[in-house]
Amino acid sequence: MADASGELADGPAAGRAGDVAGTPPQAEFLGVPIARLDAGEAAALIAARPADAPFAYVVTPNAAHLNRLTRLADTRLRAAYDGAWLRLMDGQLPRALARRLFGLALPHAAGSDVTDLLLRRHVRPQDRVTVIGGSGELVSRLKEMFGLREIAHLNPSMGFIARPAEVAACVDFVIAHPARYVFLVVGAPQSEYLAHEVALRGGAVGCGLCVGSSLSFSTGMVPRAPQLMRRLGLEGVYRLALNPRAHARRVFIDSLPILWIALRVRFDPSAYGIGKARR
């Protein structure tokens, strides 16, 4: 349970992520418990999990995710979030709103930064890695740039998440290819849905990482915004400028509603059911 400031203590209420050792302190923002970890701390904690530990997964809340969870009431995404081990603050805009409207100082841990730190500091050539999504070229670049020798790769068809047999095939693949790191890069919210299905099935190991286009950034297949734009929370603007057609919906329809969602909750804590006790 959160107190008036949104703080969550370590305990049953903070442990909705499952019975996974090493769950860090959290603070609740818009009904989502957020781990108080920056990107470096998150990468180190992920890397510290034993390779054969039961499957647990990481989600990276951003403005679009929070919009789906609150205004759109996506119950499937809510279940995936409740089942996650770590929920890391990815978005700079929601982070700024948390600070200015609710007094919450949440560390920034963008999925792209966590992924890059894992690849450059923690993942060893002999570590087993599974990638769900992405192209053959992406896998080739991972091997070439980071010396990875053990990559299992499956790229499901477009719209697979709506076809139970294909979802089951992805879950089967993860179980059949035990890996320390399981990168789920089939887009949001498909990656989160799939991670939850893997966890529900049981029998898988490793850490699932729902990290969007992060592998494409780390391998140079897609350029990231300059560091200054990232610090100012303008990465979405940069992507919009590079590819307006592909990113207009994500920016204006999926993400911007976070502004009035946060304002509404600030003045009406019961909005979107957030004020109700969640068990």
Protein backbone atom coordinates (compact mmCIF):
# COMPACT_ATOMS: atom_id res chain seq x y z
CA MET A 1 0.00 0.00 0.00
CA ALA A 2 1.26 3.50 -0.82
CA ASP A 3 1.31 6.23 1.78
CA ALA A 4 0.17 9.77 1.05
CA SER A 5 3.40 10.56 -0.77
CA GLY A 6 3.18 7.56 -3.03
CA GLU A 7 5.94 5.73 -1.20
CA LEU A 8 5.87 1.93 -1.07
CA ALA A 9 7.73 -0.01 1.55
CA ASP A 10 9.29 -3.36 0.86
CA GLY A 11 6.65 -5.89 1.81
CA PRO A 12 3.54 -7.59 0.45
CA ALA A 13 2.21 -4.48 -1.25
CA ALA A 14 5.55 -3.79 -2.87
CA GLY A 15 5.96 -7.39 -3.86
CA ARG A 16 3.29 -7.74 -6.51
CA ALA A 17 6.20 -8.44 -8.86
CA GLY A 18 6.28 -11.98 -7.55
CA ASP A 19 8.46 -13.89 -5.16
CA VAL A 20 11.74 -12.76 -6.68
CA ALA A 21 14.64 -11.99 -4.39
CA GLY A 22 16.16 -8.56 -4.70
CA THR A 23 13.06 -6.47 -5.34
CA PRO A 24 14.22 -2.89 -4.61
CA PRO A 25 12.33 -0.07 -2.84
CA GLN A 26 9.50 1.34 -4.93
CA ALA A 27 7.30 4.43 -5.21
CA GLU A 28 3.83 4.42 -6.70
CA PHE A 29 2.99 6.74 -9.59
CA LEU A 30 -0.44 6.66 -11.27
CA GLY A 31 -1.13 3.30 -9.67
CA VAL A 32 2.13 1.72 -10.84
CA PRO A 33 4.90 0.77 -8.38
CA ILE A 34 8.16 2.07 -9.86
CA ALA A 35 11.54 0.70 -8.78
CA ARG A 36 13.87 3.32 -7.35
CA LEU A 37 16.76 2.36 -9.61
CA ASP A 38 18.67 4.27 -12.22
CA ALA A 39 19.84 2.53 -15.40
CA GLY A 40 23.19 1.42 -14.01
CA GLU A 41 21.68 0.03 -10.82
CA ALA A 42 18.97 -1.78 -12.76
CA ALA A 43 21.47 -3.35 -15.16
CA ALA A 44 23.64 -4.53 -12.28
CA LEU A 45 20.66 -6.04 -10.43
CA ILE A 46 19.47 -7.84 -13.57
CA ALA A 47 22.95 -9.20 -14.26
CA ALA A 48 23.24 -10.42 -10.67
CA ARG A 49 20.34 -12.85 -11.03
CA PRO A 50 21.49 -16.47 -11.42
CA ALA A 51 21.21 -17.73 -14.98
CA ASP A 52 18.99 -20.59 -13.89
CA ALA A 53 16.67 -18.54 -11.68
CA PRO A 54 12.96 -18.90 -12.49
CA PHE A 55 11.82 -16.55 -15.24
CA ALA A 56 11.13 -12.99 -14.10
CA TYR A 57 10.67 -9.98 -16.32
CA VAL A 58 11.25 -6.25 -16.50
CA VAL A 59 8.89 -3.61 -17.91
CA THR A 60 9.75 0.01 -18.63
CA PRO A 61 6.79 2.34 -18.07
CA ASN A 62 6.60 5.35 -20.36
CA ALA A 63 3.83 7.81 -21.21
CA ALA A 64 2.17 5.45 -23.70
CA HIS A 65 2.14 2.56 -21.23
CA LEU A 66 0.67 4.72 -18.46
CA ASN A 67 -2.01 5.95 -20.85
CA ARG A 68 -3.00 2.37 -21.63
CA LEU A 69 -3.02 1.42 -17.96
CA THR A 70 -5.15 4.33 -16.78
CA ARG A 71 -7.28 6.07 -19.41
CA LEU A 72 -7.64 3.01 -21.67
CA ALA A 73 -7.88 0.53 -18.76
CA ASP A 74 -5.96 -2.22 -20.58
CA THR A 75 -6.55 -5.10 -18.17
CA ARG A 76 -4.13 -7.40 -20.00
CA LEU A 77 -1.33 -4.88 -19.66
CA ARG A 78 -2.27 -4.30 -16.03
CA ALA A 79 -1.92 -8.02 -15.33
CA ALA A 80 1.48 -8.01 -17.07
CA TYR A 81 2.61 -5.04 -14.98
CA ASP A 82 1.39 -6.64 -11.77
CA GLY A 83 3.38 -9.77 -12.62
CA ALA A 84 6.63 -7.94 -13.43
CA TRP A 85 9.70 -8.22 -11.23
CA LEU A 86 10.95 -4.68 -12.01
CA ARG A 87 9.08 -1.66 -13.35
CA LEU A 88 11.67 0.93 -14.39
CA MET A 89 10.84 4.56 -15.17
CA ASP A 90 11.55 4.88 -18.87
CA GLY A 91 9.75 8.10 -19.75
CA GLN A 92 11.19 11.53 -18.99
CA LEU A 93 7.78 13.21 -19.35
CA PRO A 94 6.02 11.06 -16.73
CA ARG A 95 9.12 11.34 -14.54
CA ALA A 96 8.88 15.15 -14.69
CA LEU A 97 5.14 15.01 -13.92
CA ALA A 98 5.78 12.70 -10.96
CA ARG A 99 8.25 15.22 -9.56
CA ARG A 100 6.31 18.42 -10.19
CA LEU A 101 2.78 17.25 -9.41
CA PHE A 102 3.35 14.56 -6.77
CA GLY A 103 6.77 15.35 -5.29
CA LEU A 104 8.20 11.98 -6.35
CA ALA A 105 11.88 11.94 -7.31
CA LEU A 106 12.06 8.83 -9.49
CA PRO A 107 15.38 7.74 -11.01
CA HIS A 108 15.47 7.51 -14.78
CA ALA A 109 16.09 4.02 -16.15
CA ALA A 110 15.25 4.04 -19.85
CA GLY A 111 15.03 0.57 -21.37
CA SER A 112 17.47 1.66 -24.07
CA ASP A 113 20.06 2.71 -21.47
CA VAL A 114 19.60 -0.44 -19.38
CA THR A 115 19.98 -2.61 -22.48
CA ASP A 116 23.10 -0.80 -23.63
CA LEU A 117 24.69 -1.07 -20.19
CA LEU A 118 23.89 -4.77 -20.01
CA LEU A 119 25.47 -5.42 -23.40
CA ARG A 120 28.57 -3.30 -22.77
CA ARG A 121 29.26 -4.12 -19.11
CA HIS A 122 27.55 -7.32 -18.06
CA VAL A 123 26.60 -9.78 -20.81
CA ARG A 124 29.51 -12.16 -21.41
CA PRO A 125 30.23 -13.89 -24.72
CA GLN A 126 29.31 -17.27 -23.25
CA ASP A 127 26.00 -16.09 -21.76
CA ARG A 128 22.96 -17.58 -23.42
CA VAL A 129 20.66 -14.98 -24.93
CA THR A 130 17.21 -15.42 -26.46
CA VAL A 131 15.72 -12.76 -28.73
CA ILE A 132 12.02 -12.76 -29.61
CA GLY A 133 11.45 -10.32 -32.44
CA GLY A 134 13.87 -8.40 -34.61
CA SER A 135 15.60 -9.39 -37.80
CA GLY A 136 18.43 -11.72 -38.69
CA GLU A 137 20.58 -8.65 -39.28
CA LEU A 138 19.95 -7.54 -35.70
CA VAL A 139 21.16 -10.88 -34.37
CA SER A 140 24.22 -10.79 -36.64
CA ARG A 141 25.12 -7.34 -35.32
CA LEU A 142 24.72 -8.47 -31.72
CA LYS A 143 27.15 -11.29 -32.36
CA GLU A 144 29.62 -9.11 -34.22
CA MET A 145 29.55 -6.05 -31.95
CA PHE A 146 29.32 -7.73 -28.55
CA GLY A 147 30.92 -11.09 -29.21
CA LEU A 148 27.82 -13.05 -28.25
CA ARG A 149 28.07 -16.70 -29.21
CA GLU A 150 24.86 -18.20 -27.85
CA ILE A 151 21.82 -16.43 -29.34
CA ALA A 152 18.52 -18.20 -29.97
CA HIS A 153 16.25 -16.14 -32.21
CA LEU A 154 12.57 -16.29 -33.14
CA ASN A 155 10.76 -13.57 -35.05
CA PRO A 156 6.99 -14.15 -34.87
CA SER A 157 4.67 -12.90 -37.59
CA MET A 158 2.98 -9.52 -37.50
CA GLY A 159 -0.06 -9.58 -35.23
CA PHE A 160 0.98 -12.85 -33.58
CA ILE A 161 -0.23 -11.72 -30.17
CA ALA A 162 -3.85 -12.10 -31.28
CA ARG A 163 -3.30 -15.73 -32.29
CA PRO A 164 -3.06 -18.05 -29.27
CA ALA A 165 -1.21 -20.78 -31.16
CA GLU A 166 1.57 -18.36 -32.16
CA VAL A 167 1.80 -16.94 -28.65
CA ALA A 168 2.11 -20.51 -27.33
CA ALA A 169 4.87 -21.18 -29.88
CA CYS A 170 6.82 -18.17 -28.59
CA VAL A 171 6.42 -19.35 -25.01
CA ASP A 172 7.54 -22.84 -26.04
CA PHE A 173 10.62 -21.33 -27.71
CA VAL A 174 11.63 -19.41 -24.59
CA ILE A 175 11.26 -22.54 -22.46
CA ALA A 176 13.12 -24.72 -24.98
CA HIS A 177 16.04 -22.25 -25.16
CA PRO A 178 16.98 -21.48 -21.55
CA ALA A 179 18.89 -18.20 -21.44
CA ARG A 180 20.16 -15.75 -18.88
CA TYR A 181 18.74 -12.83 -20.86
CA VAL A 182 15.49 -13.00 -22.84
CA PHE A 183 15.00 -9.88 -24.97
CA LEU A 184 11.35 -9.41 -25.96
CA VAL A 185 11.39 -6.86 -28.77
CA VAL A 186 8.05 -7.36 -30.51
CA GLY A 187 6.72 -3.91 -29.62
CA ALA A 188 4.49 -2.66 -26.84
CA PRO A 189 2.25 -3.90 -25.39
CA GLN A 190 2.91 -7.23 -27.17
CA SER A 191 6.24 -7.74 -25.38
CA GLU A 192 4.64 -7.23 -21.99
CA TYR A 193 1.74 -9.54 -22.85
CA LEU A 194 4.19 -12.22 -23.99
CA ALA A 195 6.42 -11.89 -20.92
CA HIS A 196 3.39 -12.42 -18.72
CA GLU A 197 2.38 -15.52 -20.69
CA VAL A 198 5.88 -16.98 -20.24
CA ALA A 199 5.73 -16.35 -16.51
CA LEU A 200 2.25 -17.83 -16.22
CA ARG A 201 3.23 -21.01 -18.08
CA GLY A 202 6.19 -21.70 -15.78
CA GLY A 203 9.28 -23.72 -16.64
CA ALA A 204 11.31 -20.88 -18.18
CA VAL A 205 14.45 -19.35 -16.67
CA GLY A 206 16.33 -16.09 -16.94
CA CYS A 207 15.31 -12.46 -17.06
CA GLY A 208 12.84 -11.20 -19.65
CA LEU A 209 13.46 -7.67 -20.89
CA CYS A 210 10.59 -5.80 -22.53
CA VAL A 211 12.72 -3.08 -24.06
CA GLY A 212 11.15 -1.95 -27.33
CA SER A 213 13.69 -0.86 -29.93
CA SER A 214 16.62 -0.94 -27.53
CA LEU A 215 18.58 -3.63 -29.38
CA SER A 216 18.23 -1.64 -32.59
CA PHE A 217 19.71 1.38 -30.83
CA SER A 218 22.59 -0.58 -29.29
CA THR A 219 23.51 -2.15 -32.63
CA GLY A 220 23.28 1.13 -34.54
CA MET A 221 20.42 0.00 -36.74
CA VAL A 222 18.33 2.94 -35.51
CA PRO A 223 19.95 6.23 -34.40
CA ARG A 224 19.23 7.50 -30.89
CA ALA A 225 18.60 11.12 -30.06
CA PRO A 226 21.62 13.18 -28.96
CA GLN A 227 22.34 12.98 -25.23
CA LEU A 228 21.12 16.53 -24.57
CA MET A 229 17.73 15.83 -26.15
CA ARG A 230 17.43 12.66 -24.08
CA ARG A 231 18.20 14.53 -20.86
CA LEU A 232 15.55 17.13 -21.72
CA GLY A 233 12.96 14.44 -22.42
CA LEU A 234 12.85 15.24 -26.14
CA GLU A 235 13.75 11.81 -27.54
CA GLY A 236 10.20 11.37 -28.80
CA VAL A 237 10.43 14.71 -30.63
CA TYR A 238 13.68 13.56 -32.25
CA ARG A 239 12.11 10.33 -33.47
CA LEU A 240 9.07 12.26 -34.71
CA ALA A 241 11.33 14.55 -36.74
CA LEU A 242 13.17 11.57 -38.25
CA ASN A 243 10.02 9.68 -39.17
CA PRO A 244 6.82 11.71 -38.74
CA ARG A 245 4.52 9.10 -40.25
CA ALA A 246 5.72 6.29 -38.00
CA HIS A 247 5.81 8.28 -34.75
CA ALA A 248 2.97 10.83 -34.97
CA ARG A 249 0.43 8.49 -33.42
CA ARG A 250 2.81 7.41 -30.67
CA VAL A 251 3.55 11.01 -29.68
CA PHE A 252 0.17 12.75 -30.07
CA ILE A 253 -2.33 9.96 -29.37
CA ASP A 254 -0.50 7.37 -27.28
CA SER A 255 1.75 9.59 -25.14
CA LEU A 256 0.47 13.16 -24.75
CA PRO A 257 -2.67 12.16 -22.80
CA ILE A 258 -0.33 11.54 -19.84
CA LEU A 259 -0.46 15.32 -19.24
CA TRP A 260 -4.16 15.48 -18.42
CA ILE A 261 -4.14 12.02 -16.82
CA ALA A 262 -1.57 13.21 -14.29
CA LEU A 263 -3.38 16.53 -13.75
CA ARG A 264 -6.70 14.79 -13.19
CA VAL A 265 -5.18 12.38 -10.65
CA ARG A 266 -3.41 15.27 -8.90
CA PHE A 267 -6.74 16.94 -8.19
CA ASP A 268 -8.87 13.79 -7.96
CA PRO A 269 -6.85 10.89 -6.49
CA SER A 270 -9.74 8.49 -7.12
CA ALA A 271 -9.61 9.06 -10.89
CA TYR A 272 -9.17 5.90 -12.96
CA GLY A 273 -9.67 3.85 -9.79
CA ILE A 274 -6.15 4.71 -8.65
CA GLY A 275 -7.26 5.74 -5.17
CA LYS A 276 -8.86 2.38 -4.49
CA ALA A 277 -6.85 -0.20 -2.53
CA ARG A 278 -5.44 -2.78 -4.94
CA ARG A 279 -4.83 -6.27 -3.71
